PDB file of N, CA and C in Angstrom:
ATOM      1  N   MET A   1       0.816  -1.186   0.176  1.00  0.00           N
ATOM      2  CA  MET A   1      -0.314   0.558  -0.159  1.00  0.00           C
ATOM      3  C   MET A   1       0.966   0.806   0.524  1.00  0.00           C
ATOM      4  N   ASP A   2       0.700   2.055  -0.713  1.00  0.00           N
ATOM      5  CA  ASP A   2       1.050   3.285  -1.018  1.00  0.00           C
ATOM      6  C   ASP A   2       1.464   4.190   0.415  1.00  0.00           C
ATOM      7  N   ASP A   3       1.996   5.377   1.479  1.00  0.00           N
ATOM      8  CA  ASP A   3       2.340   6.458   1.728  1.00  0.00           C
ATOM      9  C   ASP A   3       0.914   7.197   1.829  1.00  0.00           C
ATOM     10  N   ARG A   4       0.715   7.680   0.205  1.00  0.00           N
ATOM     11  CA  ARG A   4       0.382   8.773   0.474  1.00  0.00           C
ATOM     12  C   ARG A   4      -1.724   8.113   0.503  1.00  0.00           C
ATOM     13  N   SER A   5      -1.857   7.156   0.261  1.00  0.00           N
ATOM     14  CA  SER A   5      -2.888   6.498   0.257  1.00  0.00           C
ATOM     15  C   SER A   5      -3.039   6.234   2.303  1.00  0.00           C
ATOM     16  N   ASP A   6      -2.272   5.601   2.253  1.00  0.00           N
ATOM     17  CA  ASP A   6      -2.737   5.666   4.252  1.00  0.00           C
ATOM     18  C   ASP A   6      -3.134   6.625   5.144  1.00  0.00           C
ATOM     19  N   PRO A   7      -4.342   7.227   5.171  1.00  0.00           N
ATOM     20  CA  PRO A   7      -4.014   8.828   6.282  1.00  0.00           C
ATOM     21  C   PRO A   7      -3.938   8.810   7.612  1.00  0.00           C
ATOM     22  N   ALA A   8      -3.750   7.305   8.084  1.00  0.00           N
ATOM     23  CA  ALA A   8      -2.960   7.461   9.622  1.00  0.00           C
ATOM     24  C   ALA A   8      -1.645   7.966   9.641  1.00  0.00           C
ATOM     25  N   ARG A   9      -0.692   7.459   8.103  1.00  0.00           N
ATOM     26  CA  ARG A   9       0.677   7.928   7.784  1.00  0.00           C
ATOM     27  C   ARG A   9       0.684   9.571   6.892  1.00  0.00           C
ATOM     28  N   ARG A  10      -0.258   9.781   6.900  1.00  0.00           N
ATOM     29  CA  ARG A  10      -0.168  11.249   6.329  1.00  0.00           C
ATOM     30  C   ARG A  10       0.425  12.039   7.553  1.00  0.00           C
ATOM     31  N   ARG A  11      -1.100  11.881   8.358  1.00  0.00           N
ATOM     32  CA  ARG A  11      -1.212  12.320  10.369  1.00  0.00           C
ATOM     33  C   ARG A  11       0.189  12.815  10.448  1.00  0.00           C
ATOM     34  N   GLU A  12       0.741  11.478  10.581  1.00  0.00           N
ATOM     35  CA  GLU A  12       2.384  10.420  11.173  1.00  0.00           C
ATOM     36  C   GLU A  12       3.314  11.772  10.008  1.00  0.00           C
ATOM     37  N   GLN A  13       3.121  12.352   9.306  1.00  0.00           N
ATOM     38  CA  GLN A  13       4.316  12.683   8.816  1.00  0.00           C
ATOM     39  C   GLN A  13       3.863  14.675   9.045  1.00  0.00           C
ATOM     40  N   ASP A  14       2.819  15.294   8.793  1.00  0.00           N
ATOM     41  CA  ASP A  14       2.355  15.894   8.553  1.00  0.00           C
ATOM     42  C   ASP A  14       2.884  16.840   9.635  1.00  0.00           C
ATOM     43  N   PRO A  15       4.180  18.180   8.564  1.00  0.00           N
ATOM     44  CA  PRO A  15       4.550  19.027   9.651  1.00  0.00           C
ATOM     45  C   PRO A  15       3.811  20.021  10.657  1.00  0.00           C
ATOM     46  N   THR A  16       2.606  20.272  10.082  1.00  0.00           N
ATOM     47  CA  THR A  16       1.610  21.401  10.051  1.00  0.00           C
ATOM     48  C   THR A  16       0.645  20.907  12.042  1.00  0.00           C
ATOM     49  N   LEU A  17       1.133  20.196  12.080  1.00  0.00           N
ATOM     50  CA  LEU A  17       0.080  19.246  12.932  1.00  0.00           C
ATOM     51  C   LEU A  17       0.615  19.710  14.269  1.00  0.00           C
ATOM     52  N   VAL A  18       0.355  19.662  15.489  1.00  0.00           N
ATOM     53  CA  VAL A  18       0.445  20.738  16.277  1.00  0.00           C
ATOM     54  C   VAL A  18       1.309  19.968  17.128  1.00  0.00           C
ATOM     55  N   ARG A  19       1.241  17.850  17.206  1.00  0.00           N
ATOM     56  CA  ARG A  19       1.959  17.339  18.287  1.00  0.00           C
ATOM     57  C   ARG A  19       3.586  17.143  16.943  1.00  0.00           C
ATOM     58  N   ASN A  20       3.582  17.255  15.727  1.00  0.00           N
ATOM     59  CA  ASN A  20       4.552  16.970  15.360  1.00  0.00           C
ATOM     60  C   ASN A  20       5.794  18.697  15.736  1.00  0.00           C
ATOM     61  N   GLN A  21       5.959  18.984  16.639  1.00  0.00           N
ATOM     62  CA  GLN A  21       5.783  19.929  16.485  1.00  0.00           C
ATOM     63  C   GLN A  21       7.897  20.012  17.234  1.00  0.00           C
ATOM     64  N   PRO A  22       9.397  20.656  16.729  1.00  0.00           N
ATOM     65  CA  PRO A  22       9.852  20.563  16.731  1.00  0.00           C
ATOM     66  C   PRO A  22      10.378  20.354  18.687  1.00  0.00           C
ATOM     67  N   ALA A  23       9.627  20.912  19.351  1.00  0.00           N
ATOM     68  CA  ALA A  23       9.761  20.958  20.989  1.00  0.00           C
ATOM     69  C   ALA A  23       9.173  20.168  21.516  1.00  0.00           C
ATOM     70  N   LEU A  24       7.894  19.338  20.250  1.00  0.00           N
ATOM     71  CA  LEU A  24       7.154  18.042  20.728  1.00  0.00           C
ATOM     72  C   LEU A  24       8.156  15.836  20.805  1.00  0.00           C
ATOM     73  N   ARG A  25       9.130  16.698  19.987  1.00  0.00           N
ATOM     74  CA  ARG A  25       9.314  15.334  19.509  1.00  0.00           C
ATOM     75  C   ARG A  25      11.170  15.645  19.836  1.00  0.00           C
ATOM     76  N   SER A  26      11.849  15.916  20.219  1.00  0.00           N
ATOM     77  CA  SER A  26      13.291  16.596  20.139  1.00  0.00           C
ATOM     78  C   SER A  26      13.801  15.552  21.911  1.00  0.00           C
ATOM     79  N   ALA A  27      14.426  15.365  22.770  1.00  0.00           N
ATOM     80  CA  ALA A  27      14.993  14.699  23.875  1.00  0.00           C
ATOM     81  C   ALA A  27      15.649  15.393  24.714  1.00  0.00           C
ATOM     82  N   ARG A  28      14.880  16.827  23.812  1.00  0.00           N
ATOM     83  CA  ARG A  28      16.395  18.537  24.818  1.00  0.00           C
ATOM     84  C   ARG A  28      15.566  18.957  26.266  1.00  0.00           C
ATOM     85  N   ARG A  29      15.731  18.961  27.187  1.00  0.00           N
ATOM     86  CA  ARG A  29      15.082  18.873  28.875  1.00  0.00           C
ATOM     87  C   ARG A  29      15.592  20.034  29.293  1.00  0.00           C
ATOM     88  N   GLY A  30      16.875  20.603  28.707  1.00  0.00           N
ATOM     89  CA  GLY A  30      17.057  22.058  29.506  1.00  0.00           C
ATOM     90  C   GLY A  30      16.227  23.299  28.836  1.00  0.00           C
ATOM     91  N   TRP A  31      15.469  22.926  27.662  1.00  0.00           N
ATOM     92  CA  TRP A  31      14.785  24.318  26.615  1.00  0.00           C
ATOM     93  C   TRP A  31      13.700  24.298  27.475  1.00  0.00           C
ATOM     94  N   TRP A  32      12.809  23.050  27.942  1.00  0.00           N
ATOM     95  CA  TRP A  32      11.857  22.627  29.166  1.00  0.00           C
ATOM     96  C   TRP A  32      12.281  23.491  30.467  1.00  0.00           C
ATOM     97  N   PHE A  33      13.086  23.338  30.924  1.00  0.00           N
ATOM     98  CA  PHE A  33      12.968  23.967  32.239  1.00  0.00           C
ATOM     99  C   PHE A  33      13.547  25.213  32.089  1.00  0.00           C
ATOM    100  N   LEU A  34      14.305  25.445  31.302  1.00  0.00           N
ATOM    101  CA  LEU A  34      14.407  26.911  30.985  1.00  0.00           C
ATOM    102  C   LEU A  34      13.309  27.699  30.544  1.00  0.00           C
ATOM    103  N   TRP A  35      12.402  27.705  30.270  1.00  0.00           N
ATOM    104  CA  TRP A  35      11.037  28.089  29.931  1.00  0.00           C
ATOM    105  C   TRP A  35      10.394  28.530  30.614  1.00  0.00           C
ATOM    106  N   SER A  36       9.930  27.186  31.405  1.00  0.00           N
ATOM    107  CA  SER A  36       8.661  27.634  32.086  1.00  0.00           C
ATOM    108  C   SER A  36       8.895  27.662  33.252  1.00  0.00           C
ATOM    109  N   GLY A  37      10.439  27.157  33.503  1.00  0.00           N
ATOM    110  CA  GLY A  37      11.044  28.325  35.080  1.00  0.00           C
ATOM    111  C   GLY A  37      10.956  29.684  34.846  1.00  0.00           C
ATOM    112  N   LEU A  38      11.555  29.876  33.634  1.00  0.00           N
ATOM    113  CA  LEU A  38      10.971  32.150  33.651  1.00  0.00           C
ATOM    114  C   LEU A  38       9.273  31.910  33.348  1.00  0.00           C
ATOM    115  N   PHE A  39       9.147  31.032  32.683  1.00  0.00           N
ATOM    116  CA  PHE A  39       7.283  31.994  33.269  1.00  0.00           C
ATOM    117  C   PHE A  39       6.795  31.506  34.652  1.00  0.00           C
ATOM    118  N   ALA A  40       7.554  30.522  35.212  1.00  0.00           N
ATOM    119  CA  ALA A  40       6.712  30.457  36.737  1.00  0.00           C
ATOM    120  C   ALA A  40       6.907  31.362  37.608  1.00  0.00           C
ATOM    121  N   LEU A  41       8.991  31.611  37.446  1.00  0.00           N
ATOM    122  CA  LEU A  41       9.677  33.163  37.761  1.00  0.00           C
ATOM    123  C   LEU A  41       9.015  34.184  37.895  1.00  0.00           C
ATOM    124  N   VAL A  42       8.353  34.594  36.400  1.00  0.00           N
ATOM    125  CA  VAL A  42       7.688  35.742  35.670  1.00  0.00           C
ATOM    126  C   VAL A  42       6.403  35.514  35.818  1.00  0.00           C
ATOM    127  N   SER A  43       5.490  34.791  37.022  1.00  0.00           N
ATOM    128  CA  SER A  43       4.253  34.287  37.035  1.00  0.00           C
ATOM    129  C   SER A  43       4.211  34.326  39.171  1.00  0.00           C
ATOM    130  N   ILE A  44       5.464  33.799  39.229  1.00  0.00           N
ATOM    131  CA  ILE A  44       4.930  34.148  40.777  1.00  0.00           C
ATOM    132  C   ILE A  44       5.506  35.849  41.024  1.00  0.00           C
ATOM    133  N   GLY A  45       6.223  35.991  40.462  1.00  0.00           N
ATOM    134  CA  GLY A  45       6.824  37.444  40.320  1.00  0.00           C
ATOM    135  C   GLY A  45       5.543  38.595  40.595  1.00  0.00           C
ATOM    136  N   VAL A  46       4.920  39.036  39.357  1.00  0.00           N
ATOM    137  CA  VAL A  46       3.909  39.226  39.343  1.00  0.00           C
ATOM    138  C   VAL A  46       2.490  39.064  40.735  1.00  0.00           C
ATOM    139  N   LEU A  47       2.439  37.752  40.623  1.00  0.00           N
ATOM    140  CA  LEU A  47       1.196  37.372  41.895  1.00  0.00           C
ATOM    141  C   LEU A  47       2.177  38.074  43.427  1.00  0.00           C
ATOM    142  N   ALA A  48       3.965  37.626  43.584  1.00  0.00           N
ATOM    143  CA  ALA A  48       3.738  38.569  44.928  1.00  0.00           C
ATOM    144  C   ALA A  48       3.557  39.664  44.875  1.00  0.00           C
ATOM    145  N   TRP A  49       3.926  40.482  44.043  1.00  0.00           N
ATOM    146  CA  TRP A  49       3.536  42.558  43.485  1.00  0.00           C
ATOM    147  C   TRP A  49       1.747  42.312  44.038  1.00  0.00           C
ATOM    148  N   LEU A  50       0.710  41.209  43.685  1.00  0.00           N
ATOM    149  CA  LEU A  50      -0.621  41.658  44.080  1.00  0.00           C
ATOM    150  C   LEU A  50      -0.542  41.661  45.329  1.00  0.00           C
ATOM    151  N   ALA A  51       0.540  40.475  45.982  1.00  0.00           N
ATOM    152  CA  ALA A  51      -0.160  39.871  47.114  1.00  0.00           C
ATOM    153  C   ALA A  51      -0.186  41.128  48.297  1.00  0.00           C
ATOM    154  N   VAL A  52      -0.116  42.273  48.135  1.00  0.00           N
ATOM    155  CA  VAL A  52       0.091  43.783  48.368  1.00  0.00           C
ATOM    156  C   VAL A  52      -1.562  43.585  49.230  1.00  0.00           C
ATOM    157  N   ARG A  53      -2.017  43.356  47.521  1.00  0.00           N
ATOM    158  CA  ARG A  53      -3.424  43.530  48.206  1.00  0.00           C
ATOM    159  C   ARG A  53      -4.760  42.218  48.293  1.00  0.00           C
ATOM    160  N   GLN A  54      -4.647  41.238  47.654  1.00  0.00           N
ATOM    161  CA  GLN A  54      -5.379  39.745  48.019  1.00  0.00           C
ATOM    162  C   GLN A  54      -4.147  38.558  48.727  1.00  0.00           C
ATOM    163  N   THR A  55      -3.956  38.677  49.833  1.00  0.00           N
ATOM    164  CA  THR A  55      -2.738  37.773  50.366  1.00  0.00           C
ATOM    165  C   THR A  55      -3.102  36.284  50.094  1.00  0.00           C
ATOM    166  N   ALA A  56      -4.111  36.151  49.973  1.00  0.00           N
ATOM    167  CA  ALA A  56      -4.520  34.276  50.376  1.00  0.00           C
ATOM    168  C   ALA A  56      -4.558  34.199  49.401  1.00  0.00           C
ATOM    169  N   VAL A  57      -4.888  34.142  47.899  1.00  0.00           N
ATOM    170  CA  VAL A  57      -5.332  34.111  47.126  1.00  0.00           C
ATOM    171  C   VAL A  57      -3.959  34.141  45.630  1.00  0.00           C
ATOM    172  N   ALA A  58      -2.995  35.345  46.184  1.00  0.00           N
ATOM    173  CA  ALA A  58      -1.669  35.118  45.958  1.00  0.00           C
ATOM    174  C   ALA A  58      -0.559  34.203  46.364  1.00  0.00           C
ATOM    175  N   VAL A  59      -1.089  34.055  46.725  1.00  0.00           N
ATOM    176  CA  VAL A  59       0.081  32.429  48.279  1.00  0.00           C
ATOM    177  C   VAL A  59      -0.843  31.278  47.087  1.00  0.00           C
ATOM    178  N   ILE A  60      -1.623  31.050  47.159  1.00  0.00           N
ATOM    179  CA  ILE A  60      -2.223  29.397  46.762  1.00  0.00           C
ATOM    180  C   ILE A  60      -2.169  29.621  45.324  1.00  0.00           C
ATOM    181  N   GLY A  61      -2.267  30.448  44.615  1.00  0.00           N
ATOM    182  CA  GLY A  61      -1.680  31.077  43.574  1.00  0.00           C
ATOM    183  C   GLY A  61       0.234  30.225  43.403  1.00  0.00           C
ATOM    184  N   ILE A  62       1.095  31.349  43.959  1.00  0.00           N
ATOM    185  CA  ILE A  62       2.367  31.097  44.062  1.00  0.00           C
ATOM    186  C   ILE A  62       2.744  29.420  44.241  1.00  0.00           C
ATOM    187  N   ALA A  63       1.486  29.191  45.193  1.00  0.00           N
ATOM    188  CA  ALA A  63       1.987  27.391  46.037  1.00  0.00           C
ATOM    189  C   ALA A  63       1.927  26.413  45.060  1.00  0.00           C
ATOM    190  N   ILE A  64       1.018  27.150  44.015  1.00  0.00           N
ATOM    191  CA  ILE A  64       0.392  25.768  43.150  1.00  0.00           C
ATOM    192  C   ILE A  64       1.226  26.149  41.690  1.00  0.00           C
ATOM    193  N   ILE A  65       1.896  27.396  41.169  1.00  0.00           N
ATOM    194  CA  ILE A  65       3.157  27.378  40.506  1.00  0.00           C
ATOM    195  C   ILE A  65       3.870  26.461  41.012  1.00  0.00           C
ATOM    196  N   ALA A  66       4.521  27.010  41.793  1.00  0.00           N
ATOM    197  CA  ALA A  66       5.921  26.366  42.294  1.00  0.00           C
ATOM    198  C   ALA A  66       5.611  24.694  42.297  1.00  0.00           C
ATOM    199  N   ALA A  67       4.421  24.069  42.507  1.00  0.00           N
ATOM    200  CA  ALA A  67       4.560  23.023  42.850  1.00  0.00           C
ATOM    201  C   ALA A  67       4.320  22.259  41.116  1.00  0.00           C
ATOM    202  N   LEU A  68       3.903  23.119  40.048  1.00  0.00           N
ATOM    203  CA  LEU A  68       3.711  22.706  39.254  1.00  0.00           C
ATOM    204  C   LEU A  68       5.000  22.709  38.698  1.00  0.00           C
ATOM    205  N   TYR A  69       6.020  23.687  38.456  1.00  0.00           N
ATOM    206  CA  TYR A  69       7.504  23.794  38.708  1.00  0.00           C
ATOM    207  C   TYR A  69       8.338  22.407  39.357  1.00  0.00           C
ATOM    208  N   ALA A  70       8.115  22.141  40.463  1.00  0.00           N
ATOM    209  CA  ALA A  70       8.562  20.758  40.752  1.00  0.00           C
ATOM    210  C   ALA A  70       8.738  20.271  40.090  1.00  0.00           C
ATOM    211  N   ALA A  71       7.007  19.647  39.382  1.00  0.00           N
ATOM    212  CA  ALA A  71       6.510  18.380  38.703  1.00  0.00           C
ATOM    213  C   ALA A  71       7.531  18.752  37.808  1.00  0.00           C
ATOM    214  N   VAL A  72       7.558  19.924  37.119  1.00  0.00           N
ATOM    215  CA  VAL A  72       8.224  19.464  35.357  1.00  0.00           C
ATOM    216  C   VAL A  72       9.688  19.109  36.142  1.00  0.00           C
ATOM    217  N   LEU A  73      10.084  19.980  36.598  1.00  0.00           N
ATOM    218  CA  LEU A  73      11.838  18.675  37.244  1.00  0.00           C
ATOM    219  C   LEU A  73      11.595  17.412  37.534  1.00  0.00           C
ATOM    220  N   ILE A  74      10.071  17.336  37.719  1.00  0.00           N
ATOM    221  CA  ILE A  74      10.211  15.952  38.000  1.00  0.00           C
ATOM    222  C   ILE A  74      10.039  14.663  37.397  1.00  0.00           C
ATOM    223  N   VAL A  75       9.170  15.626  36.255  1.00  0.00           N
ATOM    224  CA  VAL A  75       8.961  14.529  35.463  1.00  0.00           C
ATOM    225  C   VAL A  75      10.441  14.453  34.595  1.00  0.00           C
ATOM    226  N   GLY A  76      11.037  15.780  34.197  1.00  0.00           N
ATOM    227  CA  GLY A  76      12.374  15.758  33.760  1.00  0.00           C
ATOM    228  C   GLY A  76      12.888  14.536  34.193  1.00  0.00           C
ATOM    229  N   ALA A  77      13.204  14.366  35.549  1.00  0.00           N
ATOM    230  CA  ALA A  77      13.930  12.911  36.143  1.00  0.00           C
ATOM    231  C   ALA A  77      13.355  11.844  36.079  1.00  0.00           C
ATOM    232  N   THR A  78      12.132  11.963  36.269  1.00  0.00           N
ATOM    233  CA  THR A  78      11.594  10.360  36.116  1.00  0.00           C
ATOM    234  C   THR A  78      11.186   9.721  34.571  1.00  0.00           C
ATOM    235  N   VAL A  79      10.627  10.602  33.607  1.00  0.00           N
ATOM    236  CA  VAL A  79      10.747  10.614  32.368  1.00  0.00           C
ATOM    237  C   VAL A  79      11.528  10.151  30.979  1.00  0.00           C
ATOM    238  N   SER A  80      11.380   8.653  30.818  1.00  0.00           N
ATOM    239  CA  SER A  80      13.173   8.654  29.526  1.00  0.00           C
ATOM    240  C   SER A  80      11.801   8.377  28.030  1.00  0.00           C
ATOM    241  N   ALA A  81      11.085   8.332  27.943  1.00  0.00           N
ATOM    242  CA  ALA A  81      10.721   8.390  26.387  1.00  0.00           C
ATOM    243  C   ALA A  81      10.230   9.763  26.533  1.00  0.00           C
ATOM    244  N   PRO A  82      10.767  11.074  24.915  1.00  0.00           N
ATOM    245  CA  PRO A  82      11.022  11.719  24.521  1.00  0.00           C
ATOM    246  C   PRO A  82       8.914  12.617  24.257  1.00  0.00           C
ATOM    247  N   PRO A  83       8.454  11.700  23.770  1.00  0.00           N
ATOM    248  CA  PRO A  83       6.892  12.222  23.467  1.00  0.00           C
ATOM    249  C   PRO A  83       6.250  12.384  24.408  1.00  0.00           C
ATOM    250  N   ARG A  84       6.099  11.776  25.389  1.00  0.00           N
ATOM    251  CA  ARG A  84       5.479  11.666  26.996  1.00  0.00           C
ATOM    252  C   ARG A  84       6.288  12.527  27.515  1.00  0.00           C
ATOM    253  N   ARG A  85       7.082  12.644  27.941  1.00  0.00           N
ATOM    254  CA  ARG A  85       7.806  13.290  28.212  1.00  0.00           C
ATOM    255  C   ARG A  85       7.615  14.662  28.159  1.00  0.00           C
ATOM    256  N   ASN A  86       7.759  14.926  27.251  1.00  0.00           N
ATOM    257  CA  ASN A  86       7.867  16.552  26.227  1.00  0.00           C
ATOM    258  C   ASN A  86       5.753  17.196  25.969  1.00  0.00           C
ATOM    259  N   ALA A  87       5.028  16.611  25.920  1.00  0.00           N
ATOM    260  CA  ALA A  87       3.650  15.912  26.288  1.00  0.00           C
ATOM    261  C   ALA A  87       3.300  16.738  28.046  1.00  0.00           C
ATOM    262  N   ALA A  88       4.229  16.699  28.754  1.00  0.00           N
ATOM    263  CA  ALA A  88       3.740  16.215  30.378  1.00  0.00           C
ATOM    264  C   ALA A  88       4.454  17.538  30.949  1.00  0.00           C
ATOM    265  N   PHE A  89       5.623  18.413  30.089  1.00  0.00           N
ATOM    266  CA  PHE A  89       5.846  19.643  29.771  1.00  0.00           C
ATOM    267  C   PHE A  89       5.111  20.553  29.617  1.00  0.00           C
ATOM    268  N   ALA A  90       4.250  20.248  28.327  1.00  0.00           N
ATOM    269  CA  ALA A  90       4.004  20.865  27.628  1.00  0.00           C
ATOM    270  C   ALA A  90       2.462  21.267  28.730  1.00  0.00           C
ATOM    271  N   TRP A  91       1.562  20.355  29.251  1.00  0.00           N
ATOM    272  CA  TRP A  91       0.572  19.887  29.703  1.00  0.00           C
ATOM    273  C   TRP A  91       1.118  20.530  30.840  1.00  0.00           C
ATOM    274  N   LEU A  92       2.274  20.822  31.782  1.00  0.00           N
ATOM    275  CA  LEU A  92       2.467  21.535  32.879  1.00  0.00           C
ATOM    276  C   LEU A  92       2.842  22.893  32.587  1.00  0.00           C
ATOM    277  N   THR A  93       3.099  23.156  31.897  1.00  0.00           N
ATOM    278  CA  THR A  93       3.480  25.033  31.538  1.00  0.00           C
ATOM    279  C   THR A  93       2.166  25.444  31.601  1.00  0.00           C
ATOM    280  N   ILE A  94       1.275  24.204  30.032  1.00  0.00           N
ATOM    281  CA  ILE A  94      -0.130  25.284  30.572  1.00  0.00           C
ATOM    282  C   ILE A  94      -1.316  25.139  31.485  1.00  0.00           C
ATOM    283  N   ALA A  95      -0.983  23.946  32.192  1.00  0.00           N
ATOM    284  CA  ALA A  95      -1.618  24.424  33.413  1.00  0.00           C
ATOM    285  C   ALA A  95      -0.529  25.785  34.704  1.00  0.00           C
ATOM    286  N   MET A  96       0.624  25.766  34.551  1.00  0.00           N
ATOM    287  CA  MET A  96       1.290  27.097  35.175  1.00  0.00           C
ATOM    288  C   MET A  96       0.358  28.127  34.868  1.00  0.00           C
ATOM    289  N   ALA A  97       0.072  28.320  33.730  1.00  0.00           N
ATOM    290  CA  ALA A  97      -0.003  29.165  32.608  1.00  0.00           C
ATOM    291  C   ALA A  97      -1.805  29.572  33.039  1.00  0.00           C
ATOM    292  N   VAL A  98      -2.378  29.038  33.512  1.00  0.00           N
ATOM    293  CA  VAL A  98      -4.099  28.839  33.784  1.00  0.00           C
ATOM    294  C   VAL A  98      -3.915  29.292  35.352  1.00  0.00           C
ATOM    295  N   VAL A  99      -3.414  28.543  36.059  1.00  0.00           N
ATOM    296  CA  VAL A  99      -3.125  28.683  37.418  1.00  0.00           C
ATOM    297  C   VAL A  99      -2.633  30.183  37.607  1.00  0.00           C
ATOM    298  N   ALA A 100      -1.513  31.034  37.089  1.00  0.00           N
ATOM    299  CA  ALA A 100      -1.318  32.449  36.671  1.00  0.00           C
ATOM    300  C   ALA A 100      -1.737  33.287  37.113  1.00  0.00           C
ATOM    301  N   LEU A 101      -2.870  33.053  35.137  1.00  0.00           N
ATOM    302  CA  LEU A 101      -4.070  33.919  35.111  1.00  0.00           C
ATOM    303  C   LEU A 101      -5.505  33.349  36.011  1.00  0.00           C
ATOM    304  N   GLY A 102      -5.383  32.470  36.499  1.00  0.00           N
ATOM    305  CA  GLY A 102      -7.343  32.756  37.114  1.00  0.00           C
ATOM    306  C   GLY A 102      -6.841  33.322  38.432  1.00  0.00           C
ATOM    307  N   SER A 103      -5.655  33.488  39.000  1.00  0.00           N
ATOM    308  CA  SER A 103      -5.434  34.137  39.939  1.00  0.00           C
ATOM    309  C   SER A 103      -5.323  35.508  40.048  1.00  0.00           C
ATOM    310  N   THR A 104      -4.526  36.032  38.999  1.00  0.00           N
ATOM    311  CA  THR A 104      -4.391  37.415  38.499  1.00  0.00           C
ATOM    312  C   THR A 104      -5.899  37.432  38.610  1.00  0.00           C
ATOM    313  N   ILE A 105      -6.592  36.345  37.825  1.00  0.00           N
ATOM    314  CA  ILE A 105      -8.472  37.340  37.420  1.00  0.00           C
ATOM    315  C   ILE A 105      -9.137  37.604  38.969  1.00  0.00           C
ATOM    316  N   ALA A 106      -8.698  36.217  39.061  1.00  0.00           N
ATOM    317  CA  ALA A 106      -9.787  36.601  40.727  1.00  0.00           C
ATOM    318  C   ALA A 106      -9.016  37.507  41.773  1.00  0.00           C
ATOM    319  N   ILE A 107      -8.060  37.794  42.007  1.00  0.00           N
ATOM    320  CA  ILE A 107      -7.818  38.993  42.474  1.00  0.00           C
ATOM    321  C   ILE A 107      -8.417  40.495  42.024  1.00  0.00           C
ATOM    322  N   MET A 108      -7.811  39.975  40.738  1.00  0.00           N
ATOM    323  CA  MET A 108      -8.577  41.110  40.690  1.00  0.00           C
ATOM    324  C   MET A 108      -9.577  41.820  40.443  1.00  0.00           C
ATOM    325  N   MET A 109     -10.811  40.332  40.301  1.00  0.00           N
ATOM    326  CA  MET A 109     -12.419  40.811  40.534  1.00  0.00           C
ATOM    327  C   MET A 109     -13.059  40.826  41.839  1.00  0.00           C
ATOM    328  N   ILE A 110     -11.538  40.657  42.728  1.00  0.00           N
ATOM    329  CA  ILE A 110     -11.774  40.885  44.580  1.00  0.00           C
ATOM    330  C   ILE A 110     -11.964  42.297  44.595  1.00  0.00           C
ATOM    331  N   GLU A 111     -10.605  43.179  44.153  1.00  0.00           N
ATOM    332  CA  GLU A 111     -10.916  44.031  44.267  1.00  0.00           C
ATOM    333  C   GLU A 111     -11.288  45.788  43.684  1.00  0.00           C
ATOM    334  N   TRP A 112     -12.302  44.590  42.962  1.00  0.00           N
ATOM    335  CA  TRP A 112     -13.205  45.178  41.717  1.00  0.00           C
ATOM    336  C   TRP A 112     -14.644  45.081  42.485  1.00  0.00           C
ATOM    337  N   SER A 113     -14.368  44.482  43.279  1.00  0.00           N
ATOM    338  CA  SER A 113     -16.153  44.523  44.144  1.00  0.00           C
ATOM    339  C   SER A 113     -16.383  45.145  45.700  1.00  0.00           C
TER     340      SER A 113
END
């Protein structure tokens, strides 16, 4: 059977698919540690600055982001298969972004009410 007629094979080779990004296929952990760490640092900095307004929400957000970054480090040390490890890195980094944004919005909503 020809590769061009097999839809599963075409999807696997399609460079435009999200799962075919080099960051998700490569075995390089260092970039994930660097960028997710930088994101965690900026997020924690913003929440620390906002802690003057709403201490409880900011501290909870900071704790969750720190725990998610610790999970990134643990995944990097324990998961050996690059596709699974990189997918976990991506989801953990997305979770950090959601927590940081959610905490910031919660603080803003509390302050505006």
